[in-house]
Amino acid sequence: MARVRLLTLVALVVLISVHAQACGDAIGIETIRVSLQNGEIYQFPTVGGDEEGARISTQPKHYSISEIRRNAETNWVATFVYQPAAGFVGSDYAEIEILTGSDGTSPPTNVRRVAFQFGIQD
């Protein structure tokens, strides 16, 4: 009887720790809700340092433009640029990662995740 209780307790602890880890991942994402007209372009500036950067980790499904731009137009700030596909009306979703904390010889030590929930209207 004591062995069954111990096994049940161990299983419960494992289940809780797996659930907590999965929830911890979701908590680390900043969510931004964006409402756009079809054809409109959305820009989200991230970081501008030489050793800092950004990347798209989840591409939206309904886009004509979805990219990170870093050029004179963005004043050399890594900027997420999104435009919905022509004629698309509905919801779209994208995620980016913003990478900071590199000293130039090592990889970034901080990763900030940002999710975009787009609502596209006519």
PDB file of N, CA and C in Angstrom:
ATOM      1  N   MET A   1       0.824  -1.189   0.000  1.00  0.00           N
ATOM      2  CA  MET A   1       0.000   0.000   0.000  1.00  0.00           C
ATOM      3  C   MET A   1       0.872   1.259   0.000  1.00  0.00           C
ATOM      4  N   ALA A   2       1.923   1.255   0.827  1.00  0.00           N
ATOM      5  CA  ALA A   2       2.822   2.415   0.891  1.00  0.00           C
ATOM      6  C   ALA A   2       3.534   2.594  -0.448  1.00  0.00           C
ATOM      7  N   ARG A   3       3.873   1.474  -1.109  1.00  0.00           N
ATOM      8  CA  ARG A   3       4.559   1.558  -2.404  1.00  0.00           C
ATOM      9  C   ARG A   3       3.638   2.177  -3.453  1.00  0.00           C
ATOM     10  N   VAL A   4       2.365   1.847  -3.452  1.00  0.00           N
ATOM     11  CA  VAL A   4       1.411   2.406  -4.409  1.00  0.00           C
ATOM     12  C   VAL A   4       1.284   3.913  -4.184  1.00  0.00           C
ATOM     13  N   ARG A   5       1.216   4.334  -2.924  1.00  0.00           N
ATOM     14  CA  ARG A   5       1.123   5.767  -2.622  1.00  0.00           C
ATOM     15  C   ARG A   5       2.390   6.499  -3.070  1.00  0.00           C
ATOM     16  N   LEU A   6       3.544   5.880  -2.856  1.00  0.00           N
ATOM     17  CA  LEU A   6       4.804   6.495  -3.271  1.00  0.00           C
ATOM     18  C   LEU A   6       4.849   6.643  -4.788  1.00  0.00           C
ATOM     19  N   LEU A   7       4.459   5.593  -5.520  1.00  0.00           N
ATOM     20  CA  LEU A   7       4.444   5.665  -6.980  1.00  0.00           C
ATOM     21  C   LEU A   7       3.451   6.721  -7.469  1.00  0.00           C
ATOM     22  N   THR A   8       2.301   6.798  -6.820  1.00  0.00           N
ATOM     23  CA  THR A   8       1.306   7.813  -7.177  1.00  0.00           C
ATOM     24  C   THR A   8       1.851   9.209  -6.925  1.00  0.00           C
ATOM     25  N   LEU A   9       2.521   9.403  -5.802  1.00  0.00           N
ATOM     26  CA  LEU A   9       3.107  10.690  -5.468  1.00  0.00           C
ATOM     27  C   LEU A   9       4.191  11.074  -6.479  1.00  0.00           C
ATOM     28  N   VAL A  10       5.045  10.126  -6.841  1.00  0.00           N
ATOM     29  CA  VAL A  10       6.104  10.387  -7.816  1.00  0.00           C
ATOM     30  C   VAL A  10       5.486  10.756  -9.169  1.00  0.00           C
ATOM     31  N   ALA A  11       4.467  10.028  -9.597  1.00  0.00           N
ATOM     32  CA  ALA A  11       3.803  10.320 -10.870  1.00  0.00           C
ATOM     33  C   ALA A  11       3.179  11.709 -10.846  1.00  0.00           C
ATOM     34  N   LEU A  12       2.589  12.084  -9.732  1.00  0.00           N
ATOM     35  CA  LEU A  12       1.973  13.399  -9.603  1.00  0.00           C
ATOM     36  C   LEU A  12       3.028  14.512  -9.671  1.00  0.00           C
ATOM     37  N   VAL A  13       4.150  14.324  -9.006  1.00  0.00           N
ATOM     38  CA  VAL A  13       5.227  15.320  -9.027  1.00  0.00           C
ATOM     39  C   VAL A  13       5.770  15.483 -10.441  1.00  0.00           C
ATOM     40  N   VAL A  14       5.957  14.383 -11.160  1.00  0.00           N
ATOM     41  CA  VAL A  14       6.449  14.445 -12.538  1.00  0.00           C
ATOM     42  C   VAL A  14       5.440  15.171 -13.417  1.00  0.00           C
ATOM     43  N   LEU A  15       4.169  14.861 -13.284  1.00  0.00           N
ATOM     44  CA  LEU A  15       3.124  15.489 -14.077  1.00  0.00           C
ATOM     45  C   LEU A  15       3.074  16.995 -13.818  1.00  0.00           C
ATOM     46  N   ILE A  16       3.148  17.395 -12.562  1.00  0.00           N
ATOM     47  CA  ILE A  16       3.122  18.810 -12.217  1.00  0.00           C
ATOM     48  C   ILE A  16       4.347  19.527 -12.776  1.00  0.00           C
ATOM     49  N   SER A  17       5.516  18.928 -12.684  1.00  0.00           N
ATOM     50  CA  SER A  17       6.726  19.600 -13.184  1.00  0.00           C
ATOM     51  C   SER A  17       6.699  19.724 -14.705  1.00  0.00           C
ATOM     52  N   VAL A  18       6.180  18.721 -15.416  1.00  0.00           N
ATOM     53  CA  VAL A  18       6.067  18.808 -16.875  1.00  0.00           C
ATOM     54  C   VAL A  18       5.075  19.903 -17.245  1.00  0.00           C
ATOM     55  N   HIS A  19       3.949  19.964 -16.536  1.00  0.00           N
ATOM     56  CA  HIS A  19       2.947  20.990 -16.805  1.00  0.00           C
ATOM     57  C   HIS A  19       3.517  22.380 -16.511  1.00  0.00           C
ATOM     58  N   ALA A  20       4.228  22.528 -15.423  1.00  0.00           N
ATOM     59  CA  ALA A  20       4.806  23.825 -15.055  1.00  0.00           C
ATOM     60  C   ALA A  20       5.824  24.275 -16.097  1.00  0.00           C
ATOM     61  N   GLN A  21       6.606  23.336 -16.622  1.00  0.00           N
ATOM     62  CA  GLN A  21       7.591  23.686 -17.641  1.00  0.00           C
ATOM     63  C   GLN A  21       6.886  24.158 -18.912  1.00  0.00           C
ATOM     64  N   ALA A  22       5.838  23.456 -19.317  1.00  0.00           N
ATOM     65  CA  ALA A  22       5.098  23.853 -20.512  1.00  0.00           C
ATOM     66  C   ALA A  22       4.455  25.218 -20.318  1.00  0.00           C
ATOM     67  N   CYS A  23       3.894  25.477 -19.139  1.00  0.00           N
ATOM     68  CA  CYS A  23       3.295  26.778 -18.859  1.00  0.00           C
ATOM     69  C   CYS A  23       4.353  27.855 -18.806  1.00  0.00           C
ATOM     70  N   GLY A  24       5.520  27.538 -18.303  1.00  0.00           N
ATOM     71  CA  GLY A  24       6.612  28.506 -18.223  1.00  0.00           C
ATOM     72  C   GLY A  24       7.017  29.001 -19.587  1.00  0.00           C
ATOM     73  N   ASP A  25       6.987  28.126 -20.587  1.00  0.00           N
ATOM     74  CA  ASP A  25       7.324  28.539 -21.939  1.00  0.00           C
ATOM     75  C   ASP A  25       6.313  29.555 -22.451  1.00  0.00           C
ATOM     76  N   ALA A  26       5.029  29.312 -22.198  1.00  0.00           N
ATOM     77  CA  ALA A  26       3.987  30.203 -22.679  1.00  0.00           C
ATOM     78  C   ALA A  26       4.053  31.558 -21.977  1.00  0.00           C
ATOM     79  N   ILE A  27       4.448  31.581 -20.720  1.00  0.00           N
ATOM     80  CA  ILE A  27       4.502  32.819 -19.959  1.00  0.00           C
ATOM     81  C   ILE A  27       5.595  33.734 -20.495  1.00  0.00           C
ATOM     82  N   GLY A  28       6.656  33.176 -21.063  1.00  0.00           N
ATOM     83  CA  GLY A  28       7.777  33.964 -21.544  1.00  0.00           C
ATOM     84  C   GLY A  28       7.527  34.674 -22.867  1.00  0.00           C
ATOM     85  N   ILE A  29       6.316  34.644 -23.377  1.00  0.00           N
ATOM     86  CA  ILE A  29       6.011  35.277 -24.656  1.00  0.00           C
ATOM     87  C   ILE A  29       5.165  36.523 -24.416  1.00  0.00           C
ATOM     88  N   GLU A  30       5.641  37.649 -24.922  1.00  0.00           N
ATOM     89  CA  GLU A  30       4.855  38.890 -24.896  1.00  0.00           C
ATOM     90  C   GLU A  30       3.925  38.859 -26.103  1.00  0.00           C
ATOM     91  N   THR A  31       2.643  39.100 -25.906  1.00  0.00           N
ATOM     92  CA  THR A  31       1.682  39.063 -27.007  1.00  0.00           C
ATOM     93  C   THR A  31       1.215  40.472 -27.346  1.00  0.00           C
ATOM     94  N   ILE A  32       1.237  40.779 -28.637  1.00  0.00           N
ATOM     95  CA  ILE A  32       0.783  42.077 -29.128  1.00  0.00           C
ATOM     96  C   ILE A  32      -0.348  41.825 -30.117  1.00  0.00           C
ATOM     97  N   ARG A  33      -1.486  42.463 -29.865  1.00  0.00           N
ATOM     98  CA  ARG A  33      -2.633  42.352 -30.762  1.00  0.00           C
ATOM     99  C   ARG A  33      -2.637  43.560 -31.699  1.00  0.00           C
ATOM    100  N   VAL A  34      -2.749  43.274 -32.993  1.00  0.00           N
ATOM    101  CA  VAL A  34      -2.658  44.322 -34.006  1.00  0.00           C
ATOM    102  C   VAL A  34      -3.877  44.229 -34.918  1.00  0.00           C
ATOM    103  N   SER A  35      -4.532  45.360 -35.121  1.00  0.00           N
ATOM    104  CA  SER A  35      -5.658  45.434 -36.034  1.00  0.00           C
ATOM    105  C   SER A  35      -5.210  46.208 -37.274  1.00  0.00           C
ATOM    106  N   LEU A  36      -5.385  45.605 -38.450  1.00  0.00           N
ATOM    107  CA  LEU A  36      -4.917  46.218 -39.706  1.00  0.00           C
ATOM    108  C   LEU A  36      -6.018  46.174 -40.761  1.00  0.00           C
ATOM    109  N   GLN A  37      -5.956  47.125 -41.675  1.00  0.00           N
ATOM    110  CA  GLN A  37      -6.759  47.056 -42.887  1.00  0.00           C
ATOM    111  C   GLN A  37      -5.958  46.229 -43.896  1.00  0.00           C
ATOM    112  N   ASN A  38      -6.665  45.499 -44.761  1.00  0.00           N
ATOM    113  CA  ASN A  38      -5.951  44.729 -45.771  1.00  0.00           C
ATOM    114  C   ASN A  38      -5.136  45.692 -46.627  1.00  0.00           C
ATOM    115  N   GLY A  39      -3.879  45.352 -46.854  1.00  0.00           N
ATOM    116  CA  GLY A  39      -2.971  46.194 -47.631  1.00  0.00           C
ATOM    117  C   GLY A  39      -2.092  47.079 -46.769  1.00  0.00           C
ATOM    118  N   GLU A  40      -2.455  47.275 -45.497  1.00  0.00           N
ATOM    119  CA  GLU A  40      -1.653  48.090 -44.595  1.00  0.00           C
ATOM    120  C   GLU A  40      -0.375  47.352 -44.204  1.00  0.00           C
ATOM    121  N   ILE A  41       0.686  48.093 -43.920  1.00  0.00           N
ATOM    122  CA  ILE A  41       1.958  47.509 -43.483  1.00  0.00           C
ATOM    123  C   ILE A  41       2.156  47.820 -42.004  1.00  0.00           C
ATOM    124  N   TYR A  42       2.546  46.800 -41.235  1.00  0.00           N
ATOM    125  CA  TYR A  42       2.823  46.949 -39.809  1.00  0.00           C
ATOM    126  C   TYR A  42       4.328  46.806 -39.602  1.00  0.00           C
ATOM    127  N   GLN A  43       4.906  47.691 -38.764  1.00  0.00           N
ATOM    128  CA  GLN A  43       6.332  47.613 -38.454  1.00  0.00           C
ATOM    129  C   GLN A  43       6.523  47.618 -36.944  1.00  0.00           C
ATOM    130  N   PHE A  44       7.392  46.719 -36.460  1.00  0.00           N
ATOM    131  CA  PHE A  44       7.701  46.612 -35.038  1.00  0.00           C
ATOM    132  C   PHE A  44       9.213  46.686 -34.873  1.00  0.00           C
ATOM    133  N   PRO A  45       9.750  47.856 -34.430  1.00  0.00           N
ATOM    134  CA  PRO A  45      11.193  47.979 -34.219  1.00  0.00           C
ATOM    135  C   PRO A  45      11.640  47.148 -33.019  1.00  0.00           C
ATOM    136  N   THR A  46      12.805  46.519 -33.118  1.00  0.00           N
ATOM    137  CA  THR A  46      13.301  45.684 -32.024  1.00  0.00           C
ATOM    138  C   THR A  46      14.575  46.273 -31.437  1.00  0.00           C
ATOM    139  N   VAL A  47      15.728  45.904 -31.946  1.00  0.00           N
ATOM    140  CA  VAL A  47      17.012  46.338 -31.381  1.00  0.00           C
ATOM    141  C   VAL A  47      17.915  46.899 -32.479  1.00  0.00           C
ATOM    142  N   GLY A  48      18.895  47.715 -32.052  1.00  0.00           N
ATOM    143  CA  GLY A  48      19.745  48.355 -33.035  1.00  0.00           C
ATOM    144  C   GLY A  48      21.232  48.144 -32.874  1.00  0.00           C
ATOM    145  N   GLY A  49      21.665  47.512 -31.801  1.00  0.00           N
ATOM    146  CA  GLY A  49      23.099  47.327 -31.583  1.00  0.00           C
ATOM    147  C   GLY A  49      23.724  46.355 -32.563  1.00  0.00           C
ATOM    148  N   ASP A  50      25.039  46.504 -32.759  1.00  0.00           N
ATOM    149  CA  ASP A  50      25.764  45.634 -33.687  1.00  0.00           C
ATOM    150  C   ASP A  50      25.677  44.165 -33.307  1.00  0.00           C
ATOM    151  N   GLU A  51      25.677  43.871 -32.023  1.00  0.00           N
ATOM    152  CA  GLU A  51      25.693  42.485 -31.564  1.00  0.00           C
ATOM    153  C   GLU A  51      24.292  41.959 -31.261  1.00  0.00           C
ATOM    154  N   GLU A  52      23.269  42.756 -31.539  1.00  0.00           N
ATOM    155  CA  GLU A  52      21.902  42.367 -31.240  1.00  0.00           C
ATOM    156  C   GLU A  52      21.163  42.075 -32.539  1.00  0.00           C
ATOM    157  N   GLY A  53      20.110  41.286 -32.440  1.00  0.00           N
ATOM    158  CA  GLY A  53      19.378  40.958 -33.648  1.00  0.00           C
ATOM    159  C   GLY A  53      17.995  40.433 -33.356  1.00  0.00           C
ATOM    160  N   ALA A  54      17.310  40.054 -34.413  1.00  0.00           N
ATOM    161  CA  ALA A  54      15.964  39.504 -34.313  1.00  0.00           C
ATOM    162  C   ALA A  54      15.772  38.509 -35.441  1.00  0.00           C
ATOM    163  N   ARG A  55      14.867  37.572 -35.203  1.00  0.00           N
ATOM    164  CA  ARG A  55      14.547  36.588 -36.246  1.00  0.00           C
ATOM    165  C   ARG A  55      13.095  36.163 -36.098  1.00  0.00           C
ATOM    166  N   ILE A  56      12.516  35.740 -37.189  1.00  0.00           N
ATOM    167  CA  ILE A  56      11.143  35.244 -37.182  1.00  0.00           C
ATOM    168  C   ILE A  56      11.192  33.770 -36.816  1.00  0.00           C
ATOM    169  N   SER A  57      10.509  33.400 -35.742  1.00  0.00           N
ATOM    170  CA  SER A  57      10.500  31.992 -35.337  1.00  0.00           C
ATOM    171  C   SER A  57       9.239  31.278 -35.821  1.00  0.00           C
ATOM    172  N   THR A  58       8.137  32.011 -36.021  1.00  0.00           N
ATOM    173  CA  THR A  58       6.914  31.436 -36.595  1.00  0.00           C
ATOM    174  C   THR A  58       6.412  32.395 -37.659  1.00  0.00           C
ATOM    175  N   GLN A  59       6.484  31.955 -38.911  1.00  0.00           N
ATOM    176  CA  GLN A  59       6.003  32.788 -40.009  1.00  0.00           C
ATOM    177  C   GLN A  59       4.474  32.815 -39.989  1.00  0.00           C
ATOM    178  N   PRO A  60       3.870  33.961 -40.295  1.00  0.00           N
ATOM    179  CA  PRO A  60       2.414  33.989 -40.444  1.00  0.00           C
ATOM    180  C   PRO A  60       2.018  33.160 -41.669  1.00  0.00           C
ATOM    181  N   LYS A  61       0.763  32.795 -41.735  1.00  0.00           N
ATOM    182  CA  LYS A  61       0.305  31.957 -42.845  1.00  0.00           C
ATOM    183  C   LYS A  61      -0.226  32.768 -44.033  1.00  0.00           C
ATOM    184  N   HIS A  62      -0.675  33.997 -43.765  1.00  0.00           N
ATOM    185  CA  HIS A  62      -1.360  34.779 -44.797  1.00  0.00           C
ATOM    186  C   HIS A  62      -0.658  36.126 -44.990  1.00  0.00           C
ATOM    187  N   TYR A  63       0.515  36.105 -45.584  1.00  0.00           N
ATOM    188  CA  TYR A  63       1.276  37.346 -45.718  1.00  0.00           C
ATOM    189  C   TYR A  63       1.777  37.562 -47.143  1.00  0.00           C
ATOM    190  N   SER A  64       1.963  38.836 -47.477  1.00  0.00           N
ATOM    191  CA  SER A  64       2.699  39.169 -48.691  1.00  0.00           C
ATOM    192  C   SER A  64       4.095  39.642 -48.305  1.00  0.00           C
ATOM    193  N   ILE A  65       4.224  40.260 -47.099  1.00  0.00           N
ATOM    194  CA  ILE A  65       5.535  40.627 -46.554  1.00  0.00           C
ATOM    195  C   ILE A  65       5.593  40.142 -45.112  1.00  0.00           C
ATOM    196  N   SER A  66       6.642  39.436 -44.770  1.00  0.00           N
ATOM    197  CA  SER A  66       6.943  39.053 -43.392  1.00  0.00           C
ATOM    198  C   SER A  66       8.454  38.862 -43.330  1.00  0.00           C
ATOM    199  N   GLU A  67       9.132  39.876 -42.781  1.00  0.00           N
ATOM    200  CA  GLU A  67      10.587  39.833 -42.765  1.00  0.00           C
ATOM    201  C   GLU A  67      11.139  40.754 -41.686  1.00  0.00           C
ATOM    202  N   ILE A  68      12.403  40.522 -41.362  1.00  0.00           N
ATOM    203  CA  ILE A  68      13.144  41.427 -40.486  1.00  0.00           C
ATOM    204  C   ILE A  68      13.979  42.312 -41.407  1.00  0.00           C
ATOM    205  N   ARG A  69      13.786  43.627 -41.291  1.00  0.00           N
ATOM    206  CA  ARG A  69      14.563  44.578 -42.092  1.00  0.00           C
ATOM    207  C   ARG A  69      15.507  45.346 -41.167  1.00  0.00           C
ATOM    208  N   ARG A  70      16.719  45.500 -41.634  1.00  0.00           N
ATOM    209  CA  ARG A  70      17.710  46.335 -40.929  1.00  0.00           C
ATOM    210  C   ARG A  70      18.501  47.059 -42.001  1.00  0.00           C
ATOM    211  N   ASN A  71      18.092  48.308 -42.245  1.00  0.00           N
ATOM    212  CA  ASN A  71      18.731  49.086 -43.302  1.00  0.00           C
ATOM    213  C   ASN A  71      18.578  50.573 -42.983  1.00  0.00           C
ATOM    214  N   ALA A  72      18.970  51.423 -43.913  1.00  0.00           N
ATOM    215  CA  ALA A  72      18.891  52.868 -43.686  1.00  0.00           C
ATOM    216  C   ALA A  72      17.444  53.312 -43.452  1.00  0.00           C
ATOM    217  N   GLU A  73      16.499  52.645 -44.123  1.00  0.00           N
ATOM    218  CA  GLU A  73      15.075  52.981 -43.961  1.00  0.00           C
ATOM    219  C   GLU A  73      14.606  52.783 -42.505  1.00  0.00           C
ATOM    220  N   THR A  74      15.169  51.795 -41.813  1.00  0.00           N
ATOM    221  CA  THR A  74      14.790  51.532 -40.417  1.00  0.00           C
ATOM    222  C   THR A  74      15.798  52.121 -39.438  1.00  0.00           C
ATOM    223  N   ASN A  75      16.703  52.974 -39.957  1.00  0.00           N
ATOM    224  CA  ASN A  75      17.771  53.564 -39.140  1.00  0.00           C
ATOM    225  C   ASN A  75      18.636  52.482 -38.489  1.00  0.00           C
ATOM    226  N   TRP A  76      18.819  51.382 -39.191  1.00  0.00           N
ATOM    227  CA  TRP A  76      19.648  50.260 -38.777  1.00  0.00           C
ATOM    228  C   TRP A  76      19.122  49.546 -37.531  1.00  0.00           C
ATOM    229  N   VAL A  77      17.832  49.709 -37.262  1.00  0.00           N
ATOM    230  CA  VAL A  77      17.171  48.966 -36.188  1.00  0.00           C
ATOM    231  C   VAL A  77      16.514  47.748 -36.832  1.00  0.00           C
ATOM    232  N   ALA A  78      16.749  46.564 -36.263  1.00  0.00           N
ATOM    233  CA  ALA A  78      16.104  45.351 -36.778  1.00  0.00           C
ATOM    234  C   ALA A  78      14.600  45.497 -36.560  1.00  0.00           C
ATOM    235  N   THR A  79      13.839  45.529 -37.652  1.00  0.00           N
ATOM    236  CA  THR A  79      12.407  45.815 -37.594  1.00  0.00           C
ATOM    237  C   THR A  79      11.630  44.688 -38.255  1.00  0.00           C
ATOM    238  N   PHE A  80      10.640  44.152 -37.522  1.00  0.00           N
ATOM    239  CA  PHE A  80       9.744  43.145 -38.091  1.00  0.00           C
ATOM    240  C   PHE A  80       8.708  43.881 -38.932  1.00  0.00           C
ATOM    241  N   VAL A  81       8.597  43.483 -40.210  1.00  0.00           N
ATOM    242  CA  VAL A  81       7.663  44.113 -41.134  1.00  0.00           C
ATOM    243  C   VAL A  81       6.674  43.051 -41.619  1.00  0.00           C
ATOM    244  N   TYR A  82       5.376  43.393 -41.511  1.00  0.00           N
ATOM    245  CA  TYR A  82       4.311  42.454 -41.903  1.00  0.00           C
ATOM    246  C   TYR A  82       3.268  43.187 -42.738  1.00  0.00           C
ATOM    247  N   GLN A  83       2.852  42.531 -43.822  1.00  0.00           N
ATOM    248  CA  GLN A  83       1.719  42.994 -44.610  1.00  0.00           C
ATOM    249  C   GLN A  83       0.902  41.758 -44.973  1.00  0.00           C
ATOM    250  N   PRO A  84      -0.410  41.792 -44.732  1.00  0.00           N
ATOM    251  CA  PRO A  84      -1.225  40.620 -45.072  1.00  0.00           C
ATOM    252  C   PRO A  84      -1.295  40.397 -46.581  1.00  0.00           C
ATOM    253  N   ALA A  85      -1.584  39.165 -46.946  1.00  0.00           N
ATOM    254  CA  ALA A  85      -1.746  38.818 -48.359  1.00  0.00           C
ATOM    255  C   ALA A  85      -2.898  39.633 -48.952  1.00  0.00           C
ATOM    256  N   ALA A  86      -2.768  39.979 -50.210  1.00  0.00           N
ATOM    257  CA  ALA A  86      -3.805  40.764 -50.889  1.00  0.00           C
ATOM    258  C   ALA A  86      -5.149  40.044 -50.799  1.00  0.00           C
ATOM    259  N   GLY A  87      -6.155  40.792 -50.361  1.00  0.00           N
ATOM    260  CA  GLY A  87      -7.507  40.232 -50.277  1.00  0.00           C
ATOM    261  C   GLY A  87      -7.786  39.414 -49.032  1.00  0.00           C
ATOM    262  N   PHE A  88      -6.763  39.163 -48.202  1.00  0.00           N
ATOM    263  CA  PHE A  88      -6.984  38.339 -47.006  1.00  0.00           C
ATOM    264  C   PHE A  88      -7.705  39.152 -45.926  1.00  0.00           C
ATOM    265  N   VAL A  89      -8.739  38.539 -45.344  1.00  0.00           N
ATOM    266  CA  VAL A  89      -9.456  39.096 -44.202  1.00  0.00           C
ATOM    267  C   VAL A  89      -9.572  37.978 -43.179  1.00  0.00           C
ATOM    268  N   GLY A  90      -9.211  38.262 -41.932  1.00  0.00           N
ATOM    269  CA  GLY A  90      -9.274  37.236 -40.887  1.00  0.00           C
ATOM    270  C   GLY A  90      -8.146  37.421 -39.893  1.00  0.00           C
ATOM    271  N   SER A  91      -7.722  36.321 -39.292  1.00  0.00           N
ATOM    272  CA  SER A  91      -6.677  36.347 -38.267  1.00  0.00           C
ATOM    273  C   SER A  91      -5.389  35.744 -38.805  1.00  0.00           C
ATOM    274  N   ASP A  92      -4.292  36.281 -38.343  1.00  0.00           N
ATOM    275  CA  ASP A  92      -2.977  35.733 -38.671  1.00  0.00           C
ATOM    276  C   ASP A  92      -2.116  35.801 -37.416  1.00  0.00           C
ATOM    277  N   TYR A  93      -1.034  35.030 -37.392  1.00  0.00           N
ATOM    278  CA  TYR A  93      -0.208  34.907 -36.188  1.00  0.00           C
ATOM    279  C   TYR A  93       1.249  34.773 -36.593  1.00  0.00           C
ATOM    280  N   ALA A  94       2.121  35.473 -35.865  1.00  0.00           N
ATOM    281  CA  ALA A  94       3.565  35.370 -36.095  1.00  0.00           C
ATOM    282  C   ALA A  94       4.281  35.488 -34.760  1.00  0.00           C
ATOM    283  N   GLU A  95       5.491  34.932 -34.692  1.00  0.00           N
ATOM    284  CA  GLU A  95       6.341  35.077 -33.509  1.00  0.00           C
ATOM    285  C   GLU A  95       7.742  35.465 -33.958  1.00  0.00           C
ATOM    286  N   ILE A  96       8.368  36.348 -33.161  1.00  0.00           N
ATOM    287  CA  ILE A  96       9.761  36.694 -33.405  1.00  0.00           C
ATOM    288  C   ILE A  96      10.548  36.477 -32.122  1.00  0.00           C
ATOM    289  N   GLU A  97      11.852  36.380 -32.275  1.00  0.00           N
ATOM    290  CA  GLU A  97      12.764  36.315 -31.142  1.00  0.00           C
ATOM    291  C   GLU A  97      13.718  37.494 -31.259  1.00  0.00           C
ATOM    292  N   ILE A  98      13.892  38.197 -30.143  1.00  0.00           N
ATOM    293  CA  ILE A  98      14.805  39.334 -30.085  1.00  0.00           C
ATOM    294  C   ILE A  98      16.015  38.885 -29.277  1.00  0.00           C
ATOM    295  N   LEU A  99      17.197  38.954 -29.867  1.00  0.00           N
ATOM    296  CA  LEU A  99      18.417  38.392 -29.296  1.00  0.00           C
ATOM    297  C   LEU A  99      19.344  39.504 -28.816  1.00  0.00           C
ATOM    298  N   THR A 100      19.681  39.490 -27.531  1.00  0.00           N
ATOM    299  CA  THR A 100      20.564  40.504 -26.950  1.00  0.00           C
ATOM    300  C   THR A 100      21.547  39.830 -25.995  1.00  0.00           C
ATOM    301  N   GLY A 101      22.535  40.589 -25.551  1.00  0.00           N
ATOM    302  CA  GLY A 101      23.457  40.103 -24.530  1.00  0.00           C
ATOM    303  C   GLY A 101      24.735  39.478 -25.041  1.00  0.00           C
ATOM    304  N   SER A 102      25.024  39.594 -26.330  1.00  0.00           N
ATOM    305  CA  SER A 102      26.279  39.056 -26.856  1.00  0.00           C
ATOM    306  C   SER A 102      27.402  40.066 -26.620  1.00  0.00           C
ATOM    307  N   ASP A 103      28.585  39.557 -26.360  1.00  0.00           N
ATOM    308  CA  ASP A 103      29.743  40.444 -26.206  1.00  0.00           C
ATOM    309  C   ASP A 103      30.557  40.521 -27.496  1.00  0.00           C
ATOM    310  N   GLY A 104      30.036  39.954 -28.567  1.00  0.00           N
ATOM    311  CA  GLY A 104      30.730  39.990 -29.854  1.00  0.00           C
ATOM    312  C   GLY A 104      31.491  38.716 -30.159  1.00  0.00           C
ATOM    313  N   THR A 105      31.869  37.967 -29.116  1.00  0.00           N
ATOM    314  CA  THR A 105      32.575  36.712 -29.340  1.00  0.00           C
ATOM    315  C   THR A 105      31.741  35.505 -28.929  1.00  0.00           C
ATOM    316  N   SER A 106      30.624  35.758 -28.249  1.00  0.00           N
ATOM    317  CA  SER A 106      29.764  34.665 -27.814  1.00  0.00           C
ATOM    318  C   SER A 106      28.342  34.918 -28.302  1.00  0.00           C
ATOM    319  N   PRO A 107      27.530  33.872 -28.337  1.00  0.00           N
ATOM    320  CA  PRO A 107      26.144  34.048 -28.788  1.00  0.00           C
ATOM    321  C   PRO A 107      25.334  34.884 -27.783  1.00  0.00           C
ATOM    322  N   PRO A 108      24.174  35.372 -28.203  1.00  0.00           N
ATOM    323  CA  PRO A 108      23.327  36.159 -27.302  1.00  0.00           C
ATOM    324  C   PRO A 108      22.937  35.356 -26.058  1.00  0.00           C
ATOM    325  N   THR A 109      22.826  36.051 -24.945  1.00  0.00           N
ATOM    326  CA  THR A 109      22.447  35.390 -23.690  1.00  0.00           C
ATOM    327  C   THR A 109      20.994  35.630 -23.328  1.00  0.00           C
ATOM    328  N   ASN A 110      20.343  36.598 -23.972  1.00  0.00           N
ATOM    329  CA  ASN A 110      18.941  36.902 -23.681  1.00  0.00           C
ATOM    330  C   ASN A 110      18.111  36.748 -24.947  1.00  0.00           C
ATOM    331  N   VAL A 111      17.001  36.015 -24.817  1.00  0.00           N
ATOM    332  CA  VAL A 111      16.085  35.860 -25.934  1.00  0.00           C
ATOM    333  C   VAL A 111      14.705  36.278 -25.441  1.00  0.00           C
ATOM    334  N   ARG A 112      14.174  37.311 -26.072  1.00  0.00           N
ATOM    335  CA  ARG A 112      12.817  37.787 -25.753  1.00  0.00           C
ATOM    336  C   ARG A 112      11.907  37.371 -26.887  1.00  0.00           C
ATOM    337  N   ARG A 113      10.809  36.708 -26.547  1.00  0.00           N
ATOM    338  CA  ARG A 113       9.874  36.230 -27.567  1.00  0.00           C
ATOM    339  C   ARG A 113       8.656  37.149 -27.612  1.00  0.00           C
ATOM    340  N   VAL A 114       8.265  37.514 -28.828  1.00  0.00           N
ATOM    341  CA  VAL A 114       7.102  38.375 -29.026  1.00  0.00           C
ATOM    342  C   VAL A 114       6.186  37.699 -30.041  1.00  0.00           C
ATOM    343  N   ALA A 115       4.903  37.563 -29.672  1.00  0.00           N
ATOM    344  CA  ALA A 115       3.903  36.993 -30.547  1.00  0.00           C
ATOM    345  C   ALA A 115       2.978  38.104 -31.044  1.00  0.00           C
ATOM    346  N   PHE A 116       2.606  38.019 -32.298  1.00  0.00           N
ATOM    347  CA  PHE A 116       1.691  38.998 -32.894  1.00  0.00           C
ATOM    348  C   PHE A 116       0.416  38.280 -33.317  1.00  0.00           C
ATOM    349  N   GLN A 117      -0.702  38.797 -32.841  1.00  0.00           N
ATOM    350  CA  GLN A 117      -1.999  38.291 -33.256  1.00  0.00           C
ATOM    351  C   GLN A 117      -2.622  39.389 -34.113  1.00  0.00           C
ATOM    352  N   PHE A 118      -2.658  39.134 -35.410  1.00  0.00           N
ATOM    353  CA  PHE A 118      -3.167  40.121 -36.358  1.00  0.00           C
ATOM    354  C   PHE A 118      -4.643  39.880 -36.651  1.00  0.00           C
ATOM    355  N   GLY A 119      -5.392  40.956 -36.625  1.00  0.00           N
ATOM    356  CA  GLY A 119      -6.784  40.937 -37.080  1.00  0.00           C
ATOM    357  C   GLY A 119      -6.869  41.802 -38.312  1.00  0.00           C
ATOM    358  N   ILE A 120      -7.212  41.205 -39.435  1.00  0.00           N
ATOM    359  CA  ILE A 120      -7.204  41.905 -40.721  1.00  0.00           C
ATOM    360  C   ILE A 120      -8.635  42.144 -41.179  1.00  0.00           C
ATOM    361  N   GLN A 121      -8.964  43.421 -41.474  1.00  0.00           N
ATOM    362  CA  GLN A 121     -10.292  43.783 -41.973  1.00  0.00           C
ATOM    363  C   GLN A 121     -10.174  44.364 -43.377  1.00  0.00           C
ATOM    364  N   ASP A 122     -11.332  44.421 -44.052  1.00  0.00           N
ATOM    365  CA  ASP A 122     -11.396  45.069 -45.376  1.00  0.00           C
ATOM    366  C   ASP A 122     -11.183  46.541 -45.258  1.00  0.00           C
TER     367      ASP A 122
END
